[in-house]
Amino acid sequence: MEWIEKLDGSVIVSDISGKVIYVNESARRTFVKPGEQPLEGRDLMECHNENSKKIIRNIMKHKVKNVYTIEKKGKKKLIYQTPWVVDGELKGLVEFSLEIPFDLPHFVRE
């Protein structure tokens, strides 16, 4: 699935225990400094503060999404955290981080 590896946005996947099992190229560039240990194999909770850990536990427990925007280093991003569910069974968590325009258009379609 080369498309996700080259996606212009970060993708991080963890298993049900919280172990990071996949990080795409963009996420590696964003979250891993040269010489640091790769994210794969690490505990997802190591990378988050207490409030974020609470939110992640809620996502996993209740199989709910957490979606919001942030502004960081002059860029606006959409953060989309969602449970990874296969045939009704929780497998882990997927997080997308996508840069979006500050003046993002919004359309209502029916």
N, C-alpha and C. Protein backbone atom coordinates (compact mmCIF):
# COMPACT_ATOMS: atom_id res chain seq x y z
N MET A 1 0.84 -1.19 0.00
CA MET A 1 0.00 0.00 0.00
C MET A 1 0.89 1.25 0.00
N GLU A 2 1.59 1.43 -1.09
CA GLU A 2 2.52 2.54 -1.20
C GLU A 2 1.83 3.90 -1.07
N TRP A 3 0.56 3.99 -1.47
CA TRP A 3 -0.14 5.27 -1.43
C TRP A 3 -0.18 5.83 -0.01
N ILE A 4 -0.37 4.99 0.98
CA ILE A 4 -0.46 5.48 2.36
C ILE A 4 0.93 5.85 2.88
N GLU A 5 1.94 5.16 2.41
CA GLU A 5 3.31 5.47 2.81
C GLU A 5 3.70 6.86 2.30
N LYS A 6 3.24 7.21 1.11
CA LYS A 6 3.60 8.49 0.48
C LYS A 6 2.53 9.57 0.67
N LEU A 7 1.49 9.29 1.44
CA LEU A 7 0.41 10.25 1.67
C LEU A 7 0.95 11.57 2.23
N ASP A 8 0.41 12.67 1.77
CA ASP A 8 0.81 13.99 2.25
C ASP A 8 0.08 14.26 3.58
N GLY A 9 0.41 13.49 4.56
CA GLY A 9 -0.18 13.59 5.89
C GLY A 9 0.31 12.41 6.71
N SER A 10 0.30 12.58 8.01
CA SER A 10 0.82 11.55 8.90
C SER A 10 -0.23 10.50 9.23
N VAL A 11 0.21 9.24 9.25
CA VAL A 11 -0.64 8.12 9.63
C VAL A 11 0.13 7.28 10.65
N ILE A 12 -0.50 7.06 11.81
CA ILE A 12 0.08 6.21 12.84
C ILE A 12 -0.98 5.20 13.25
N VAL A 13 -0.58 3.92 13.31
CA VAL A 13 -1.50 2.86 13.68
C VAL A 13 -0.90 2.13 14.88
N SER A 14 -1.75 1.91 15.89
CA SER A 14 -1.32 1.11 17.04
C SER A 14 -2.26 -0.08 17.18
N ASP A 15 -1.75 -1.14 17.82
CA ASP A 15 -2.60 -2.31 18.05
C ASP A 15 -3.42 -2.10 19.33
N ILE A 16 -4.18 -3.08 19.70
CA ILE A 16 -5.10 -2.97 20.84
C ILE A 16 -4.36 -2.73 22.16
N SER A 17 -3.11 -3.16 22.24
CA SER A 17 -2.34 -2.95 23.47
C SER A 17 -1.70 -1.56 23.51
N GLY A 18 -1.81 -0.80 22.41
CA GLY A 18 -1.22 0.53 22.35
C GLY A 18 0.17 0.55 21.73
N LYS A 19 0.65 -0.59 21.25
CA LYS A 19 1.96 -0.65 20.61
C LYS A 19 1.84 -0.11 19.18
N VAL A 20 2.71 0.82 18.83
CA VAL A 20 2.71 1.38 17.47
C VAL A 20 3.19 0.30 16.50
N ILE A 21 2.35 0.02 15.50
CA ILE A 21 2.69 -1.03 14.53
C ILE A 21 2.94 -0.48 13.12
N TYR A 22 2.55 0.78 12.87
CA TYR A 22 2.80 1.36 11.55
C TYR A 22 2.90 2.87 11.66
N VAL A 23 3.88 3.42 10.97
CA VAL A 23 4.09 4.87 10.88
C VAL A 23 4.47 5.16 9.44
N ASN A 24 3.73 6.04 8.78
CA ASN A 24 4.09 6.33 7.38
C ASN A 24 5.25 7.33 7.32
N GLU A 25 5.73 7.57 6.11
CA GLU A 25 6.89 8.42 5.89
C GLU A 25 6.70 9.82 6.48
N SER A 26 5.56 10.42 6.26
CA SER A 26 5.29 11.76 6.78
C SER A 26 5.34 11.79 8.31
N ALA A 27 4.76 10.79 8.95
CA ALA A 27 4.78 10.72 10.42
C ALA A 27 6.20 10.53 10.93
N ARG A 28 7.00 9.73 10.25
CA ARG A 28 8.39 9.55 10.66
C ARG A 28 9.15 10.87 10.58
N ARG A 29 8.94 11.63 9.50
CA ARG A 29 9.61 12.93 9.35
C ARG A 29 9.16 13.90 10.44
N THR A 30 7.88 13.85 10.79
CA THR A 30 7.31 14.79 11.75
C THR A 30 7.66 14.45 13.20
N PHE A 31 7.61 13.19 13.55
CA PHE A 31 7.67 12.80 14.96
C PHE A 31 8.96 12.12 15.41
N VAL A 32 9.85 11.76 14.49
CA VAL A 32 11.08 11.08 14.87
C VAL A 32 12.27 11.92 14.42
N LYS A 33 13.05 12.39 15.40
CA LYS A 33 14.25 13.16 15.08
C LYS A 33 15.39 12.21 14.74
N PRO A 34 16.34 12.66 13.91
CA PRO A 34 17.48 11.80 13.57
C PRO A 34 18.16 11.26 14.82
N GLY A 35 18.45 9.98 14.80
CA GLY A 35 19.11 9.34 15.93
C GLY A 35 18.16 8.81 16.99
N GLU A 36 16.89 9.18 16.92
CA GLU A 36 15.90 8.68 17.88
C GLU A 36 15.41 7.30 17.49
N GLN A 37 14.89 6.60 18.48
CA GLN A 37 14.29 5.28 18.25
C GLN A 37 13.05 5.43 17.38
N PRO A 38 12.84 4.54 16.41
CA PRO A 38 11.61 4.59 15.60
C PRO A 38 10.38 4.46 16.48
N LEU A 39 9.26 4.95 15.99
CA LEU A 39 8.01 4.84 16.75
C LEU A 39 7.48 3.41 16.76
N GLU A 40 7.71 2.67 15.67
CA GLU A 40 7.22 1.30 15.61
C GLU A 40 7.78 0.51 16.79
N GLY A 41 6.87 -0.21 17.46
CA GLY A 41 7.25 -1.01 18.62
C GLY A 41 7.15 -0.28 19.95
N ARG A 42 7.02 1.04 19.90
CA ARG A 42 6.91 1.81 21.14
C ARG A 42 5.47 1.89 21.60
N ASP A 43 5.28 2.21 22.86
CA ASP A 43 3.96 2.39 23.44
C ASP A 43 3.43 3.76 23.01
N LEU A 44 2.25 3.76 22.41
CA LEU A 44 1.62 5.00 21.95
C LEU A 44 1.49 6.02 23.09
N MET A 45 1.24 5.55 24.30
CA MET A 45 1.03 6.44 25.43
C MET A 45 2.29 7.23 25.80
N GLU A 46 3.48 6.73 25.44
CA GLU A 46 4.73 7.44 25.72
C GLU A 46 4.76 8.81 25.05
N CYS A 47 4.02 8.95 23.97
CA CYS A 47 4.06 10.16 23.16
C CYS A 47 2.96 11.16 23.50
N HIS A 48 2.20 10.91 24.58
CA HIS A 48 1.04 11.75 24.88
C HIS A 48 1.02 12.19 26.35
N ASN A 49 0.39 13.36 26.57
CA ASN A 49 0.21 13.85 27.93
C ASN A 49 -0.98 13.14 28.58
N GLU A 50 -1.21 13.44 29.85
CA GLU A 50 -2.26 12.73 30.60
C GLU A 50 -3.65 12.93 29.99
N ASN A 51 -3.97 14.14 29.55
CA ASN A 51 -5.28 14.39 28.94
C ASN A 51 -5.44 13.57 27.66
N SER A 52 -4.41 13.54 26.84
CA SER A 52 -4.46 12.77 25.60
C SER A 52 -4.59 11.28 25.88
N LYS A 53 -3.91 10.80 26.91
CA LYS A 53 -4.01 9.39 27.28
C LYS A 53 -5.44 9.04 27.66
N LYS A 54 -6.10 9.93 28.39
CA LYS A 54 -7.50 9.72 28.78
C LYS A 54 -8.39 9.62 27.54
N ILE A 55 -8.16 10.50 26.58
CA ILE A 55 -8.94 10.51 25.34
C ILE A 55 -8.71 9.21 24.55
N ILE A 56 -7.46 8.78 24.46
CA ILE A 56 -7.13 7.55 23.73
C ILE A 56 -7.81 6.35 24.39
N ARG A 57 -7.75 6.30 25.71
CA ARG A 57 -8.42 5.19 26.41
C ARG A 57 -9.92 5.19 26.12
N ASN A 58 -10.52 6.38 26.06
CA ASN A 58 -11.95 6.51 25.76
C ASN A 58 -12.26 6.03 24.33
N ILE A 59 -11.42 6.40 23.39
CA ILE A 59 -11.59 5.96 21.99
C ILE A 59 -11.60 4.43 21.94
N MET A 60 -10.64 3.83 22.61
CA MET A 60 -10.50 2.37 22.58
C MET A 60 -11.65 1.68 23.33
N LYS A 61 -12.02 2.21 24.46
CA LYS A 61 -13.06 1.57 25.28
C LYS A 61 -14.43 1.65 24.63
N HIS A 62 -14.77 2.82 24.09
CA HIS A 62 -16.12 3.05 23.57
C HIS A 62 -16.21 3.01 22.04
N LYS A 63 -15.07 2.79 21.38
CA LYS A 63 -15.03 2.74 19.92
C LYS A 63 -15.64 4.01 19.31
N VAL A 64 -15.14 5.15 19.78
CA VAL A 64 -15.60 6.45 19.29
C VAL A 64 -14.44 7.19 18.65
N LYS A 65 -14.76 8.16 17.81
CA LYS A 65 -13.75 8.98 17.15
C LYS A 65 -13.42 10.20 18.01
N ASN A 66 -12.26 10.78 17.76
CA ASN A 66 -11.87 12.06 18.33
C ASN A 66 -11.31 12.89 17.18
N VAL A 67 -12.02 13.95 16.83
CA VAL A 67 -11.66 14.75 15.66
C VAL A 67 -11.59 16.22 16.06
N TYR A 68 -10.48 16.88 15.69
CA TYR A 68 -10.31 18.29 16.05
C TYR A 68 -9.26 18.91 15.14
N THR A 69 -9.11 20.22 15.23
CA THR A 69 -8.05 20.91 14.48
C THR A 69 -7.08 21.53 15.48
N ILE A 70 -5.85 21.72 15.01
CA ILE A 70 -4.83 22.39 15.81
C ILE A 70 -4.09 23.39 14.92
N GLU A 71 -3.41 24.32 15.55
CA GLU A 71 -2.49 25.20 14.85
C GLU A 71 -1.14 25.01 15.52
N LYS A 72 -0.13 24.70 14.71
CA LYS A 72 1.20 24.45 15.24
C LYS A 72 2.23 24.88 14.22
N LYS A 73 3.18 25.70 14.65
CA LYS A 73 4.27 26.16 13.78
C LYS A 73 3.74 26.80 12.51
N GLY A 74 2.67 27.59 12.64
CA GLY A 74 2.12 28.32 11.50
C GLY A 74 1.29 27.49 10.55
N LYS A 75 0.99 26.25 10.93
CA LYS A 75 0.18 25.39 10.07
C LYS A 75 -1.06 24.94 10.83
N LYS A 76 -2.15 24.78 10.10
CA LYS A 76 -3.39 24.27 10.68
C LYS A 76 -3.53 22.81 10.25
N LYS A 77 -3.90 21.96 11.22
CA LYS A 77 -4.01 20.54 10.91
C LYS A 77 -5.32 19.97 11.43
N LEU A 78 -5.82 19.00 10.69
CA LEU A 78 -6.95 18.20 11.12
C LEU A 78 -6.37 16.94 11.76
N ILE A 79 -6.77 16.67 12.99
CA ILE A 79 -6.37 15.44 13.68
C ILE A 79 -7.60 14.55 13.75
N TYR A 80 -7.47 13.34 13.24
CA TYR A 80 -8.59 12.40 13.17
C TYR A 80 -8.13 11.09 13.79
N GLN A 81 -8.60 10.84 15.00
CA GLN A 81 -8.26 9.60 15.70
C GLN A 81 -9.50 8.72 15.70
N THR A 82 -9.33 7.48 15.29
CA THR A 82 -10.47 6.59 15.16
C THR A 82 -10.09 5.18 15.58
N PRO A 83 -11.04 4.46 16.16
CA PRO A 83 -10.73 3.07 16.48
C PRO A 83 -10.57 2.27 15.20
N TRP A 84 -9.68 1.31 15.23
CA TRP A 84 -9.49 0.38 14.13
C TRP A 84 -10.30 -0.86 14.49
N VAL A 85 -11.39 -1.07 13.75
CA VAL A 85 -12.33 -2.15 14.05
C VAL A 85 -12.47 -3.04 12.82
N VAL A 86 -12.37 -4.35 13.03
CA VAL A 86 -12.54 -5.33 11.96
C VAL A 86 -13.62 -6.31 12.40
N ASP A 87 -14.69 -6.41 11.60
CA ASP A 87 -15.81 -7.30 11.92
C ASP A 87 -16.31 -7.10 13.35
N GLY A 88 -16.40 -5.84 13.76
CA GLY A 88 -16.91 -5.51 15.09
C GLY A 88 -15.90 -5.64 16.21
N GLU A 89 -14.70 -6.16 15.91
CA GLU A 89 -13.68 -6.38 16.94
C GLU A 89 -12.63 -5.27 16.90
N LEU A 90 -12.39 -4.66 18.05
CA LEU A 90 -11.38 -3.61 18.16
C LEU A 90 -9.99 -4.19 17.94
N LYS A 91 -9.26 -3.59 17.01
CA LYS A 91 -7.89 -4.04 16.71
C LYS A 91 -6.84 -3.02 17.17
N GLY A 92 -7.28 -1.76 17.35
CA GLY A 92 -6.33 -0.73 17.75
C GLY A 92 -6.86 0.65 17.43
N LEU A 93 -5.93 1.54 17.14
CA LEU A 93 -6.25 2.95 16.91
C LEU A 93 -5.50 3.45 15.68
N VAL A 94 -6.15 4.29 14.89
CA VAL A 94 -5.51 4.93 13.74
C VAL A 94 -5.61 6.44 13.93
N GLU A 95 -4.50 7.12 13.71
CA GLU A 95 -4.49 8.58 13.79
C GLU A 95 -3.97 9.16 12.49
N PHE A 96 -4.76 10.08 11.93
CA PHE A 96 -4.38 10.84 10.74
C PHE A 96 -4.13 12.28 11.18
N SER A 97 -3.09 12.89 10.66
CA SER A 97 -2.81 14.30 10.87
C SER A 97 -2.58 14.91 9.50
N LEU A 98 -3.51 15.76 9.08
CA LEU A 98 -3.48 16.32 7.72
C LEU A 98 -3.45 17.84 7.78
N GLU A 99 -2.51 18.44 7.06
CA GLU A 99 -2.47 19.90 6.99
C GLU A 99 -3.66 20.38 6.17
N ILE A 100 -4.34 21.42 6.69
CA ILE A 100 -5.50 21.99 6.00
C ILE A 100 -5.34 23.50 5.91
N PRO A 101 -5.99 24.14 4.94
CA PRO A 101 -5.91 25.60 4.83
C PRO A 101 -6.62 26.28 6.00
N PHE A 102 -6.13 27.48 6.37
CA PHE A 102 -6.78 28.24 7.43
C PHE A 102 -8.19 28.66 7.01
N ASP A 103 -8.37 28.92 5.74
CA ASP A 103 -9.69 29.34 5.24
C ASP A 103 -10.35 28.19 4.49
N LEU A 104 -10.46 27.07 5.13
CA LEU A 104 -11.01 25.87 4.53
C LEU A 104 -12.47 26.09 4.12
N PRO A 105 -12.79 25.89 2.85
CA PRO A 105 -14.19 26.04 2.43
C PRO A 105 -15.07 24.96 3.07
N HIS A 106 -16.31 25.30 3.26
CA HIS A 106 -17.28 24.35 3.81
C HIS A 106 -18.50 24.37 2.90
N PHE A 107 -18.95 23.19 2.48
CA PHE A 107 -20.09 23.09 1.59
C PHE A 107 -21.16 22.23 2.24
N VAL A 108 -22.41 22.62 2.07
CA VAL A 108 -23.53 21.80 2.53
C VAL A 108 -24.12 21.14 1.29
N ARG A 109 -24.11 19.82 1.29
CA ARG A 109 -24.65 19.08 0.14
C ARG A 109 -25.73 18.14 0.63
N GLU A 110 -26.82 18.14 -0.09
CA GLU A 110 -27.92 17.25 0.29
C GLU A 110 -28.34 16.37 -0.84
